[in-house]
């Protein structure tokens, strides 16, 4: 039996809210077909202190769909930025993990943060 706000996939609990962000579905009907790399991403986003232990795993992983994974990272960054005032430390950590993985896997950041100076020029 899983706890409220959690979903059981392959005998492991994952955050329902994080899975919805990662998959891009506001309603998650059947979590079983979620690819393994997205489940691992969910675990790391919910516990960013685990990221250093999974860098090689992510780097050597064969992604089923690179675009899906890239957009999952992008959605995490957008969600974290929007929710930053709710819990600044939590969302800074989530954003850092997503940005680090995006840079590691794709050598770029789609959402570059503009500095005030860039905006004024």
PDB file of N, CA and C in Angstrom:
ATOM      1  N   UNK A   1       0.849  -1.183   0.000  1.00  0.00           N
ATOM      2  CA  UNK A   1       0.000   0.000   0.000  1.00  0.00           C
ATOM      3  C   UNK A   1       0.891   1.241   0.000  1.00  0.00           C
ATOM      4  N   UNK A   2       0.649   2.140  -0.947  1.00  0.00           N
ATOM      5  CA  UNK A   2       1.472   3.346  -1.000  1.00  0.00           C
ATOM      6  C   UNK A   2       0.836   4.482  -0.211  1.00  0.00           C
ATOM      7  N   UNK A   3       1.685   5.406   0.190  1.00  0.00           N
ATOM      8  CA  UNK A   3       1.251   6.558   0.969  1.00  0.00           C
ATOM      9  C   UNK A   3       0.550   7.564   0.061  1.00  0.00           C
ATOM     10  N   UNK A   4      -0.256   8.460   0.638  1.00  0.00           N
ATOM     11  CA  UNK A   4      -0.889   9.504  -0.178  1.00  0.00           C
ATOM     12  C   UNK A   4       0.168  10.362  -0.873  1.00  0.00           C
ATOM     13  N   UNK A   5      -0.079  10.668  -2.140  1.00  0.00           N
ATOM     14  CA  UNK A   5       0.866  11.477  -2.896  1.00  0.00           C
ATOM     15  C   UNK A   5       2.005  10.671  -3.479  1.00  0.00           C
ATOM     16  N   UNK A   6       1.989   9.364  -3.232  1.00  0.00           N
ATOM     17  CA  UNK A   6       3.021   8.466  -3.752  1.00  0.00           C
ATOM     18  C   UNK A   6       2.351   7.439  -4.660  1.00  0.00           C
ATOM     19  N   UNK A   7       3.138   6.894  -5.562  1.00  0.00           N
ATOM     20  CA  UNK A   7       2.645   5.842  -6.446  1.00  0.00           C
ATOM     21  C   UNK A   7       3.684   4.725  -6.445  1.00  0.00           C
ATOM     22  N   UNK A   8       3.219   3.496  -6.473  1.00  0.00           N
ATOM     23  CA  UNK A   8       4.099   2.333  -6.441  1.00  0.00           C
ATOM     24  C   UNK A   8       4.344   1.837  -7.862  1.00  0.00           C
ATOM     25  N   UNK A   9       5.609   1.807  -8.264  1.00  0.00           N
ATOM     26  CA  UNK A   9       6.000   1.302  -9.577  1.00  0.00           C
ATOM     27  C   UNK A   9       7.158   0.342  -9.354  1.00  0.00           C
ATOM     28  N   UNK A  10       7.002  -0.885  -9.829  1.00  0.00           N
ATOM     29  CA  UNK A  10       8.046  -1.909  -9.670  1.00  0.00           C
ATOM     30  C   UNK A  10       8.513  -1.995  -8.213  1.00  0.00           C
ATOM     31  N   UNK A  11       7.558  -2.001  -7.313  1.00  0.00           N
ATOM     32  CA  UNK A  11       7.796  -2.154  -5.875  1.00  0.00           C
ATOM     33  C   UNK A  11       8.611  -1.014  -5.254  1.00  0.00           C
ATOM     34  N   UNK A  12       8.612   0.138  -5.898  1.00  0.00           N
ATOM     35  CA  UNK A  12       9.300   1.310  -5.355  1.00  0.00           C
ATOM     36  C   UNK A  12       8.334   2.490  -5.388  1.00  0.00           C
ATOM     37  N   UNK A  13       8.369   3.317  -4.335  1.00  0.00           N
ATOM     38  CA  UNK A  13       7.477   4.470  -4.264  1.00  0.00           C
ATOM     39  C   UNK A  13       8.102   5.688  -4.924  1.00  0.00           C
ATOM     40  N   UNK A  14       7.269   6.411  -5.671  1.00  0.00           N
ATOM     41  CA  UNK A  14       7.682   7.640  -6.337  1.00  0.00           C
ATOM     42  C   UNK A  14       6.656   8.719  -6.030  1.00  0.00           C
ATOM     43  N   UNK A  15       7.104   9.956  -6.037  1.00  0.00           N
ATOM     44  CA  UNK A  15       6.215  11.091  -5.824  1.00  0.00           C
ATOM     45  C   UNK A  15       5.297  11.257  -7.030  1.00  0.00           C
ATOM     46  N   UNK A  16       4.004  11.257  -6.772  1.00  0.00           N
ATOM     47  CA  UNK A  16       3.026  11.421  -7.845  1.00  0.00           C
ATOM     48  C   UNK A  16       3.172  12.792  -8.503  1.00  0.00           C
ATOM     49  N   UNK A  17       3.361  13.829  -7.702  1.00  0.00           N
ATOM     50  CA  UNK A  17       3.504  15.184  -8.254  1.00  0.00           C
ATOM     51  C   UNK A  17       4.732  15.294  -9.153  1.00  0.00           C
ATOM     52  N   UNK A  18       5.843  14.721  -8.716  1.00  0.00           N
ATOM     53  CA  UNK A  18       7.065  14.784  -9.527  1.00  0.00           C
ATOM     54  C   UNK A  18       6.903  13.981 -10.806  1.00  0.00           C
ATOM     55  N   UNK A  19       6.278  12.813 -10.727  1.00  0.00           N
ATOM     56  CA  UNK A  19       6.046  12.013 -11.938  1.00  0.00           C
ATOM     57  C   UNK A  19       5.153  12.754 -12.930  1.00  0.00           C
ATOM     58  N   UNK A  20       4.162  13.474 -12.419  1.00  0.00           N
ATOM     59  CA  UNK A  20       3.288  14.238 -13.323  1.00  0.00           C
ATOM     60  C   UNK A  20       4.074  15.333 -14.034  1.00  0.00           C
ATOM     61  N   UNK A  21       4.956  16.000 -13.322  1.00  0.00           N
ATOM     62  CA  UNK A  21       5.784  17.041 -13.950  1.00  0.00           C
ATOM     63  C   UNK A  21       6.714  16.416 -14.982  1.00  0.00           C
ATOM     64  N   UNK A  22       7.372  15.340 -14.606  1.00  0.00           N
ATOM     65  CA  UNK A  22       8.337  14.688 -15.491  1.00  0.00           C
ATOM     66  C   UNK A  22       7.676  14.169 -16.760  1.00  0.00           C
ATOM     67  N   UNK A  23       6.494  13.566 -16.614  1.00  0.00           N
ATOM     68  CA  UNK A  23       5.809  13.009 -17.787  1.00  0.00           C
ATOM     69  C   UNK A  23       5.043  14.066 -18.570  1.00  0.00           C
ATOM     70  N   UNK A  24       4.744  15.179 -17.930  1.00  0.00           N
ATOM     71  CA  UNK A  24       3.979  16.221 -18.603  1.00  0.00           C
ATOM     72  C   UNK A  24       2.486  15.943 -18.627  1.00  0.00           C
ATOM     73  N   UNK A  25       2.035  15.045 -17.764  1.00  0.00           N
ATOM     74  CA  UNK A  25       0.613  14.707 -17.683  1.00  0.00           C
ATOM     75  C   UNK A  25       0.063  15.185 -16.343  1.00  0.00           C
ATOM     76  N   UNK A  26      -0.974  16.009 -16.386  1.00  0.00           N
ATOM     77  CA  UNK A  26      -1.548  16.513 -15.138  1.00  0.00           C
ATOM     78  C   UNK A  26      -2.309  15.424 -14.391  1.00  0.00           C
ATOM     79  N   UNK A  27      -2.707  14.373 -15.113  1.00  0.00           N
ATOM     80  CA  UNK A  27      -3.344  13.213 -14.498  1.00  0.00           C
ATOM     81  C   UNK A  27      -2.540  11.993 -14.912  1.00  0.00           C
ATOM     82  N   UNK A  28      -2.100  11.230 -13.940  1.00  0.00           N
ATOM     83  CA  UNK A  28      -1.296  10.045 -14.216  1.00  0.00           C
ATOM     84  C   UNK A  28      -2.158   8.822 -13.946  1.00  0.00           C
ATOM     85  N   UNK A  29      -2.670   8.219 -15.019  1.00  0.00           N
ATOM     86  CA  UNK A  29      -3.590   7.091 -14.865  1.00  0.00           C
ATOM     87  C   UNK A  29      -2.866   5.784 -14.594  1.00  0.00           C
ATOM     88  N   UNK A  30      -1.873   5.465 -15.406  1.00  0.00           N
ATOM     89  CA  UNK A  30      -1.162   4.199 -15.268  1.00  0.00           C
ATOM     90  C   UNK A  30       0.340   4.460 -15.271  1.00  0.00           C
ATOM     91  N   UNK A  31       0.975   4.394 -14.098  1.00  0.00           N
ATOM     92  CA  UNK A  31       2.403   4.709 -14.028  1.00  0.00           C
ATOM     93  C   UNK A  31       3.325   3.593 -14.529  1.00  0.00           C
ATOM     94  N   UNK A  32       2.783   2.413 -14.826  1.00  0.00           N
ATOM     95  CA  UNK A  32       3.634   1.286 -15.218  1.00  0.00           C
ATOM     96  C   UNK A  32       4.428   1.497 -16.502  1.00  0.00           C
ATOM     97  N   UNK A  33       3.887   2.160 -17.529  1.00  0.00           N
ATOM     98  CA  UNK A  33       4.692   2.294 -18.751  1.00  0.00           C
ATOM     99  C   UNK A  33       5.737   3.418 -18.713  1.00  0.00           C
ATOM    100  N   UNK A  34       5.944   4.037 -17.577  1.00  0.00           N
ATOM    101  CA  UNK A  34       6.933   5.114 -17.485  1.00  0.00           C
ATOM    102  C   UNK A  34       8.326   4.505 -17.635  1.00  0.00           C
ATOM    103  N   UNK A  35       9.122   5.022 -18.582  1.00  0.00           N
ATOM    104  CA  UNK A  35      10.463   4.475 -18.808  1.00  0.00           C
ATOM    105  C   UNK A  35      11.348   4.553 -17.556  1.00  0.00           C
ATOM    106  N   UNK A  36      12.256   3.608 -17.463  1.00  0.00           N
ATOM    107  CA  UNK A  36      13.149   3.500 -16.308  1.00  0.00           C
ATOM    108  C   UNK A  36      13.956   4.773 -16.074  1.00  0.00           C
ATOM    109  N   UNK A  37      14.397   5.421 -17.166  1.00  0.00           N
ATOM    110  CA  UNK A  37      15.206   6.631 -16.983  1.00  0.00           C
ATOM    111  C   UNK A  37      14.393   7.768 -16.370  1.00  0.00           C
ATOM    112  N   UNK A  38      13.090   7.821 -16.644  1.00  0.00           N
ATOM    113  CA  UNK A  38      12.250   8.853 -16.034  1.00  0.00           C
ATOM    114  C   UNK A  38      11.976   8.535 -14.566  1.00  0.00           C
ATOM    115  N   UNK A  39      11.890   7.253 -14.235  1.00  0.00           N
ATOM    116  CA  UNK A  39      11.727   6.871 -12.829  1.00  0.00           C
ATOM    117  C   UNK A  39      12.990   7.214 -12.033  1.00  0.00           C
ATOM    118  N   UNK A  40      14.144   6.964 -12.629  1.00  0.00           N
ATOM    119  CA  UNK A  40      15.404   7.323 -11.970  1.00  0.00           C
ATOM    120  C   UNK A  40      15.502   8.842 -11.809  1.00  0.00           C
ATOM    121  N   UNK A  41      15.086   9.568 -12.831  1.00  0.00           N
ATOM    122  CA  UNK A  41      15.072  11.028 -12.752  1.00  0.00           C
ATOM    123  C   UNK A  41      14.172  11.489 -11.614  1.00  0.00           C
ATOM    124  N   UNK A  42      13.017  10.874 -11.477  1.00  0.00           N
ATOM    125  CA  UNK A  42      12.094  11.221 -10.394  1.00  0.00           C
ATOM    126  C   UNK A  42      12.764  11.027  -9.037  1.00  0.00           C
ATOM    127  N   UNK A  43      13.455   9.912  -8.869  1.00  0.00           N
ATOM    128  CA  UNK A  43      14.146   9.641  -7.599  1.00  0.00           C
ATOM    129  C   UNK A  43      15.199  10.697  -7.297  1.00  0.00           C
ATOM    130  N   UNK A  44      15.958  11.080  -8.310  1.00  0.00           N
ATOM    131  CA  UNK A  44      17.037  12.053  -8.115  1.00  0.00           C
ATOM    132  C   UNK A  44      16.479  13.454  -7.882  1.00  0.00           C
ATOM    133  N   UNK A  45      15.422  13.809  -8.573  1.00  0.00           N
ATOM    134  CA  UNK A  45      14.823  15.138  -8.387  1.00  0.00           C
ATOM    135  C   UNK A  45      14.222  15.257  -6.993  1.00  0.00           C
ATOM    136  N   UNK A  46      13.611  14.178  -6.509  1.00  0.00           N
ATOM    137  CA  UNK A  46      13.035  14.214  -5.167  1.00  0.00           C
ATOM    138  C   UNK A  46      14.088  14.127  -4.067  1.00  0.00           C
ATOM    139  N   UNK A  47      15.278  13.651  -4.403  1.00  0.00           N
ATOM    140  CA  UNK A  47      16.379  13.611  -3.447  1.00  0.00           C
ATOM    141  C   UNK A  47      17.661  14.030  -4.170  1.00  0.00           C
ATOM    142  N   UNK A  48      17.828  15.334  -4.416  1.00  0.00           N
ATOM    143  CA  UNK A  48      18.970  15.820  -5.196  1.00  0.00           C
ATOM    144  C   UNK A  48      20.336  15.454  -4.626  1.00  0.00           C
ATOM    145  N   UNK A  49      20.407  15.152  -3.331  1.00  0.00           N
ATOM    146  CA  UNK A  49      21.687  14.757  -2.746  1.00  0.00           C
ATOM    147  C   UNK A  49      22.170  13.409  -3.277  1.00  0.00           C
ATOM    148  N   UNK A  50      21.309  12.676  -3.981  1.00  0.00           N
ATOM    149  CA  UNK A  50      21.693  11.400  -4.593  1.00  0.00           C
ATOM    150  C   UNK A  50      22.333  11.603  -5.963  1.00  0.00           C
ATOM    151  N   UNK A  51      22.212  12.786  -6.530  1.00  0.00           N
ATOM    152  CA  UNK A  51      22.722  13.039  -7.881  1.00  0.00           C
ATOM    153  C   UNK A  51      24.189  12.648  -8.071  1.00  0.00           C
ATOM    154  N   UNK A  52      25.097  12.993  -7.152  1.00  0.00           N
ATOM    155  CA  UNK A  52      26.500  12.626  -7.384  1.00  0.00           C
ATOM    156  C   UNK A  52      26.716  11.123  -7.581  1.00  0.00           C
ATOM    157  N   UNK A  53      25.851  10.316  -6.994  1.00  0.00           N
ATOM    158  CA  UNK A  53      25.995   8.863  -7.093  1.00  0.00           C
ATOM    159  C   UNK A  53      25.439   8.300  -8.401  1.00  0.00           C
ATOM    160  N   UNK A  54      24.693   9.105  -9.132  1.00  0.00           N
ATOM    161  CA  UNK A  54      24.062   8.625 -10.360  1.00  0.00           C
ATOM    162  C   UNK A  54      24.564   9.328 -11.617  1.00  0.00           C
ATOM    163  N   UNK A  55      25.579  10.179 -11.503  1.00  0.00           N
ATOM    164  CA  UNK A  55      26.074  10.899 -12.680  1.00  0.00           C
ATOM    165  C   UNK A  55      26.529   9.946 -13.781  1.00  0.00           C
ATOM    166  N   UNK A  56      27.315   8.945 -13.436  1.00  0.00           N
ATOM    167  CA  UNK A  56      27.792   7.993 -14.440  1.00  0.00           C
ATOM    168  C   UNK A  56      26.640   7.195 -15.030  1.00  0.00           C
ATOM    169  N   UNK A  57      25.680   6.842 -14.190  1.00  0.00           N
ATOM    170  CA  UNK A  57      24.515   6.090 -14.662  1.00  0.00           C
ATOM    171  C   UNK A  57      23.774   6.888 -15.719  1.00  0.00           C
ATOM    172  N   UNK A  58      23.504   8.151 -15.433  1.00  0.00           N
ATOM    173  CA  UNK A  58      22.815   8.989 -16.413  1.00  0.00           C
ATOM    174  C   UNK A  58      23.670   9.191 -17.662  1.00  0.00           C
ATOM    175  N   UNK A  59      24.953   9.422 -17.470  1.00  0.00           N
ATOM    176  CA  UNK A  59      25.837   9.698 -18.603  1.00  0.00           C
ATOM    177  C   UNK A  59      25.914   8.516 -19.566  1.00  0.00           C
ATOM    178  N   UNK A  60      25.945   7.311 -19.043  1.00  0.00           N
ATOM    179  CA  UNK A  60      26.088   6.125 -19.893  1.00  0.00           C
ATOM    180  C   UNK A  60      24.750   5.517 -20.308  1.00  0.00           C
ATOM    181  N   UNK A  61      23.662   6.070 -19.823  1.00  0.00           N
ATOM    182  CA  UNK A  61      22.333   5.535 -20.095  1.00  0.00           C
ATOM    183  C   UNK A  61      21.921   5.760 -21.552  1.00  0.00           C
ATOM    184  N   UNK A  62      21.335   4.733 -22.148  1.00  0.00           N
ATOM    185  CA  UNK A  62      20.736   4.873 -23.479  1.00  0.00           C
ATOM    186  C   UNK A  62      19.301   5.354 -23.281  1.00  0.00           C
ATOM    187  N   UNK A  63      19.038   6.595 -23.613  1.00  0.00           N
ATOM    188  CA  UNK A  63      17.700   7.156 -23.442  1.00  0.00           C
ATOM    189  C   UNK A  63      16.778   6.626 -24.532  1.00  0.00           C
ATOM    190  N   UNK A  64      15.594   6.201 -24.139  1.00  0.00           N
ATOM    191  CA  UNK A  64      14.620   5.718 -25.127  1.00  0.00           C
ATOM    192  C   UNK A  64      14.192   6.836 -26.061  1.00  0.00           C
ATOM    193  N   UNK A  65      14.000   8.004 -25.479  1.00  0.00           N
ATOM    194  CA  UNK A  65      13.556   9.156 -26.262  1.00  0.00           C
ATOM    195  C   UNK A  65      14.224  10.402 -25.675  1.00  0.00           C
ATOM    196  N   UNK A  66      15.234  10.899 -26.370  1.00  0.00           N
ATOM    197  CA  UNK A  66      15.990  12.049 -25.859  1.00  0.00           C
ATOM    198  C   UNK A  66      15.123  13.284 -25.690  1.00  0.00           C
ATOM    199  N   UNK A  67      14.213  13.527 -26.634  1.00  0.00           N
ATOM    200  CA  UNK A  67      13.341  14.704 -26.526  1.00  0.00           C
ATOM    201  C   UNK A  67      12.451  14.625 -25.296  1.00  0.00           C
ATOM    202  N   UNK A  68      11.897  13.462 -25.027  1.00  0.00           N
ATOM    203  CA  UNK A  68      11.047  13.290 -23.850  1.00  0.00           C
ATOM    204  C   UNK A  68      11.835  13.582 -22.582  1.00  0.00           C
ATOM    205  N   UNK A  69      13.054  13.068 -22.505  1.00  0.00           N
ATOM    206  CA  UNK A  69      13.889  13.285 -21.322  1.00  0.00           C
ATOM    207  C   UNK A  69      14.285  14.756 -21.201  1.00  0.00           C
ATOM    208  N   UNK A  70      14.632  15.363 -22.325  1.00  0.00           N
ATOM    209  CA  UNK A  70      15.034  16.770 -22.313  1.00  0.00           C
ATOM    210  C   UNK A  70      13.872  17.647 -21.843  1.00  0.00           C
ATOM    211  N   UNK A  71      12.674  17.375 -22.340  1.00  0.00           N
ATOM    212  CA  UNK A  71      11.521  18.164 -21.910  1.00  0.00           C
ATOM    213  C   UNK A  71      11.158  17.886 -20.455  1.00  0.00           C
ATOM    214  N   UNK A  72      11.426  16.686 -19.964  1.00  0.00           N
ATOM    215  CA  UNK A  72      11.208  16.402 -18.543  1.00  0.00           C
ATOM    216  C   UNK A  72      12.111  17.292 -17.692  1.00  0.00           C
ATOM    217  N   UNK A  73      13.373  17.406 -18.095  1.00  0.00           N
ATOM    218  CA  UNK A  73      14.307  18.288 -17.380  1.00  0.00           C
ATOM    219  C   UNK A  73      13.851  19.741 -17.453  1.00  0.00           C
ATOM    220  N   UNK A  74      13.372  20.137 -18.591  1.00  0.00           N
ATOM    221  CA  UNK A  74      12.889  21.503 -18.782  1.00  0.00           C
ATOM    222  C   UNK A  74      11.669  21.783 -17.902  1.00  0.00           C
ATOM    223  N   UNK A  75      10.729  20.825 -17.847  1.00  0.00           N
ATOM    224  CA  UNK A  75       9.534  21.011 -17.013  1.00  0.00           C
ATOM    225  C   UNK A  75       9.902  21.121 -15.531  1.00  0.00           C
ATOM    226  N   UNK A  76      10.889  20.351 -15.099  1.00  0.00           N
ATOM    227  CA  UNK A  76      11.331  20.431 -13.697  1.00  0.00           C
ATOM    228  C   UNK A  76      11.871  21.826 -13.401  1.00  0.00           C
ATOM    229  N   UNK A  77      12.658  22.365 -14.317  1.00  0.00           N
ATOM    230  CA  UNK A  77      13.228  23.702 -14.120  1.00  0.00           C
ATOM    231  C   UNK A  77      12.134  24.768 -14.076  1.00  0.00           C
ATOM    232  N   UNK A  78      11.180  24.677 -14.982  1.00  0.00           N
ATOM    233  CA  UNK A  78      10.081  25.652 -15.016  1.00  0.00           C
ATOM    234  C   UNK A  78       9.257  25.548 -13.740  1.00  0.00           C
ATOM    235  N   UNK A  79       8.895  24.334 -13.352  1.00  0.00           N
ATOM    236  CA  UNK A  79       8.104  24.134 -12.140  1.00  0.00           C
ATOM    237  C   UNK A  79       8.854  24.649 -10.909  1.00  0.00           C
ATOM    238  N   UNK A  80      10.137  24.358 -10.835  1.00  0.00           N
ATOM    239  CA  UNK A  80      10.932  24.818  -9.687  1.00  0.00           C
ATOM    240  C   UNK A  80      11.007  26.335  -9.631  1.00  0.00           C
ATOM    241  N   UNK A  81      11.170  26.951 -10.784  1.00  0.00           N
ATOM    242  CA  UNK A  81      11.225  28.416 -10.823  1.00  0.00           C
ATOM    243  C   UNK A  81       9.887  29.016 -10.388  1.00  0.00           C
ATOM    244  N   UNK A  82       8.794  28.433 -10.847  1.00  0.00           N
ATOM    245  CA  UNK A  82       7.471  28.940 -10.488  1.00  0.00           C
ATOM    246  C   UNK A  82       7.164  28.761  -9.001  1.00  0.00           C
ATOM    247  N   UNK A  83       7.684  27.712  -8.407  1.00  0.00           N
ATOM    248  CA  UNK A  83       7.392  27.399  -7.007  1.00  0.00           C
ATOM    249  C   UNK A  83       8.498  27.839  -6.040  1.00  0.00           C
ATOM    250  N   UNK A  84       9.456  28.573  -6.527  1.00  0.00           N
ATOM    251  CA  UNK A  84      10.624  28.939  -5.722  1.00  0.00           C
ATOM    252  C   UNK A  84      10.238  29.573  -4.386  1.00  0.00           C
ATOM    253  N   UNK A  85       9.194  30.387  -4.352  1.00  0.00           N
ATOM    254  CA  UNK A  85       8.805  31.062  -3.111  1.00  0.00           C
ATOM    255  C   UNK A  85       8.167  30.123  -2.097  1.00  0.00           C
ATOM    256  N   UNK A  86       7.716  28.938  -2.536  1.00  0.00           N
ATOM    257  CA  UNK A  86       7.114  27.981  -1.605  1.00  0.00           C
ATOM    258  C   UNK A  86       8.167  27.386  -0.672  1.00  0.00           C
ATOM    259  N   UNK A  87       9.289  26.988  -1.256  1.00  0.00           N
ATOM    260  CA  UNK A  87      10.380  26.378  -0.488  1.00  0.00           C
ATOM    261  C   UNK A  87      11.651  26.589  -1.298  1.00  0.00           C
ATOM    262  N   UNK A  88      12.321  27.698  -1.035  1.00  0.00           N
ATOM    263  CA  UNK A  88      13.432  28.119  -1.891  1.00  0.00           C
ATOM    264  C   UNK A  88      14.549  27.074  -1.957  1.00  0.00           C
ATOM    265  N   UNK A  89      14.918  26.489  -0.826  1.00  0.00           N
ATOM    266  CA  UNK A  89      16.023  25.520  -0.837  1.00  0.00           C
ATOM    267  C   UNK A  89      15.652  24.271  -1.636  1.00  0.00           C
ATOM    268  N   UNK A  90      14.472  23.748  -1.407  1.00  0.00           N
ATOM    269  CA  UNK A  90      14.024  22.546  -2.127  1.00  0.00           C
ATOM    270  C   UNK A  90      14.041  22.777  -3.632  1.00  0.00           C
ATOM    271  N   UNK A  91      13.478  23.886  -4.066  1.00  0.00           N
ATOM    272  CA  UNK A  91      13.356  24.128  -5.502  1.00  0.00           C
ATOM    273  C   UNK A  91      14.685  24.549  -6.136  1.00  0.00           C
ATOM    274  N   UNK A  92      15.570  25.163  -5.374  1.00  0.00           N
ATOM    275  CA  UNK A  92      16.916  25.434  -5.894  1.00  0.00           C
ATOM    276  C   UNK A  92      17.667  24.125  -6.119  1.00  0.00           C
ATOM    277  N   UNK A  93      17.519  23.193  -5.193  1.00  0.00           N
ATOM    278  CA  UNK A  93      18.174  21.891  -5.338  1.00  0.00           C
ATOM    279  C   UNK A  93      17.623  21.124  -6.537  1.00  0.00           C
ATOM    280  N   UNK A  94      16.301  21.141  -6.694  1.00  0.00           N
ATOM    281  CA  UNK A  94      15.686  20.442  -7.828  1.00  0.00           C
ATOM    282  C   UNK A  94      16.145  21.066  -9.148  1.00  0.00           C
ATOM    283  N   UNK A  95      16.183  22.381  -9.190  1.00  0.00           N
ATOM    284  CA  UNK A  95      16.608  23.062 -10.409  1.00  0.00           C
ATOM    285  C   UNK A  95      18.076  22.763 -10.705  1.00  0.00           C
ATOM    286  N   UNK A  96      18.914  22.769  -9.673  1.00  0.00           N
ATOM    287  CA  UNK A  96      20.332  22.470  -9.864  1.00  0.00           C
ATOM    288  C   UNK A  96      20.514  21.057 -10.428  1.00  0.00           C
ATOM    289  N   UNK A  97      19.794  20.093  -9.882  1.00  0.00           N
ATOM    290  CA  UNK A  97      19.898  18.708 -10.364  1.00  0.00           C
ATOM    291  C   UNK A  97      19.469  18.614 -11.827  1.00  0.00           C
ATOM    292  N   UNK A  98      18.361  19.252 -12.168  1.00  0.00           N
ATOM    293  CA  UNK A  98      17.865  19.204 -13.551  1.00  0.00           C
ATOM    294  C   UNK A  98      18.834  19.897 -14.505  1.00  0.00           C
ATOM    295  N   UNK A  99      19.353  21.044 -14.117  1.00  0.00           N
ATOM    296  CA  UNK A  99      20.291  21.776 -14.979  1.00  0.00           C
ATOM    297  C   UNK A  99      21.603  21.010 -15.143  1.00  0.00           C
ATOM    298  N   UNK A 100      22.077  20.385 -14.074  1.00  0.00           N
ATOM    299  CA  UNK A 100      23.313  19.603 -14.150  1.00  0.00           C
ATOM    300  C   UNK A 100      23.144  18.431 -15.107  1.00  0.00           C
ATOM    301  N   UNK A 101      22.023  17.738 -15.008  1.00  0.00           N
ATOM    302  CA  UNK A 101      21.772  16.609 -15.913  1.00  0.00           C
ATOM    303  C   UNK A 101      21.606  17.081 -17.353  1.00  0.00           C
ATOM    304  N   UNK A 102      20.939  18.208 -17.535  1.00  0.00           N
ATOM    305  CA  UNK A 102      20.767  18.734 -18.894  1.00  0.00           C
ATOM    306  C   UNK A 102      22.130  19.067 -19.508  1.00  0.00           C
ATOM    307  N   UNK A 103      22.981  19.694 -18.737  1.00  0.00           N
ATOM    308  CA  UNK A 103      24.319  20.049 -19.230  1.00  0.00           C
ATOM    309  C   UNK A 103      25.150  18.790 -19.491  1.00  0.00           C
ATOM    310  N   UNK A 104      25.062  17.811 -18.608  1.00  0.00           N
ATOM    311  CA  UNK A 104      25.806  16.559 -18.750  1.00  0.00           C
ATOM    312  C   UNK A 104      25.381  15.785 -19.999  1.00  0.00           C
ATOM    313  N   UNK A 105      24.079  15.704 -20.225  1.00  0.00           N
ATOM    314  CA  UNK A 105      23.563  14.862 -21.308  1.00  0.00           C
ATOM    315  C   UNK A 105      23.439  15.575 -22.644  1.00  0.00           C
ATOM    316  N   UNK A 106      23.151  16.870 -22.610  1.00  0.00           N
ATOM    317  CA  UNK A 106      22.843  17.579 -23.852  1.00  0.00           C
ATOM    318  C   UNK A 106      23.809  18.726 -24.153  1.00  0.00           C
ATOM    319  N   UNK A 107      24.748  18.969 -23.261  1.00  0.00           N
ATOM    320  CA  UNK A 107      25.767  20.014 -23.442  1.00  0.00           C
ATOM    321  C   UNK A 107      25.193  21.405 -23.668  1.00  0.00           C
ATOM    322  N   UNK A 108      23.989  21.629 -23.194  1.00  0.00           N
ATOM    323  CA  UNK A 108      23.366  22.946 -23.342  1.00  0.00           C
ATOM    324  C   UNK A 108      22.272  23.107 -22.304  1.00  0.00           C
ATOM    325  N   UNK A 109      21.871  24.333 -22.102  1.00  0.00           N
ATOM    326  CA  UNK A 109      20.744  24.642 -21.238  1.00  0.00           C
ATOM    327  C   UNK A 109      19.730  25.400 -22.070  1.00  0.00           C
ATOM    328  N   UNK A 110      18.544  24.836 -22.236  1.00  0.00           N
ATOM    329  CA  UNK A 110      17.520  25.523 -23.017  1.00  0.00           C
ATOM    330  C   UNK A 110      17.037  26.785 -22.325  1.00  0.00           C
ATOM    331  N   UNK A 111      16.987  26.742 -21.011  1.00  0.00           N
ATOM    332  CA  UNK A 111      16.521  27.906 -20.254  1.00  0.00           C
ATOM    333  C   UNK A 111      17.703  28.617 -19.611  1.00  0.00           C
ATOM    334  N   UNK A 112      18.394  29.403 -20.368  1.00  0.00           N
ATOM    335  CA  UNK A 112      19.481  30.195 -19.800  1.00  0.00           C
ATOM    336  C   UNK A 112      18.862  31.351 -19.029  1.00  0.00           C
ATOM    337  N   UNK A 113      19.319  31.549 -17.832  1.00  0.00           N
ATOM    338  CA  UNK A 113      18.827  32.656 -17.023  1.00  0.00           C
ATOM    339  C   UNK A 113      19.524  33.929 -17.461  1.00  0.00           C
ATOM    340  N   UNK A 114      18.731  34.908 -17.813  1.00  0.00           N
ATOM    341  CA  UNK A 114      19.295  36.192 -18.227  1.00  0.00           C
ATOM    342  C   UNK A 114      19.615  37.035 -17.005  1.00  0.00           C
ATOM    343  N   UNK A 115      20.752  37.643 -17.031  1.00  0.00           N
ATOM    344  CA  UNK A 115      21.093  38.551 -15.941  1.00  0.00           C
ATOM    345  C   UNK A 115      20.426  39.897 -16.204  1.00  0.00           C
ATOM    346  N   UNK A 116      20.342  40.704 -15.203  1.00  0.00           N
ATOM    347  CA  UNK A 116      19.743  42.027 -15.349  1.00  0.00           C
ATOM    348  C   UNK A 116      20.504  42.831 -16.395  1.00  0.00           C
ATOM    349  N   UNK A 117      21.810  42.676 -16.432  1.00  0.00           N
ATOM    350  CA  UNK A 117      22.619  43.411 -17.402  1.00  0.00           C
ATOM    351  C   UNK A 117      22.261  42.994 -18.833  1.00  0.00           C
ATOM    352  N   UNK A 118      22.045  41.700 -19.069  1.00  0.00           N
ATOM    353  CA  UNK A 118      21.665  41.226 -20.399  1.00  0.00           C
ATOM    354  C   UNK A 118      20.338  41.829 -20.844  1.00  0.00           C
ATOM    355  N   UNK A 119      19.412  41.947 -19.918  1.00  0.00           N
ATOM    356  CA  UNK A 119      18.094  42.491 -20.235  1.00  0.00           C
ATOM    357  C   UNK A 119      18.190  43.974 -20.569  1.00  0.00           C
ATOM    358  N   UNK A 120      19.072  44.686 -19.876  1.00  0.00           N
ATOM    359  CA  UNK A 120      19.171  46.127 -20.062  1.00  0.00           C
ATOM    360  C   UNK A 120      19.919  46.501 -21.336  1.00  0.00           C
ATOM    361  N   UNK A 121      20.702  45.589 -21.893  1.00  0.00           N
ATOM    362  CA  UNK A 121      21.474  45.912 -23.102  1.00  0.00           C
ATOM    363  C   UNK A 121      20.631  45.848 -24.343  1.00  0.00           C
TER     364      UNK A 121
END
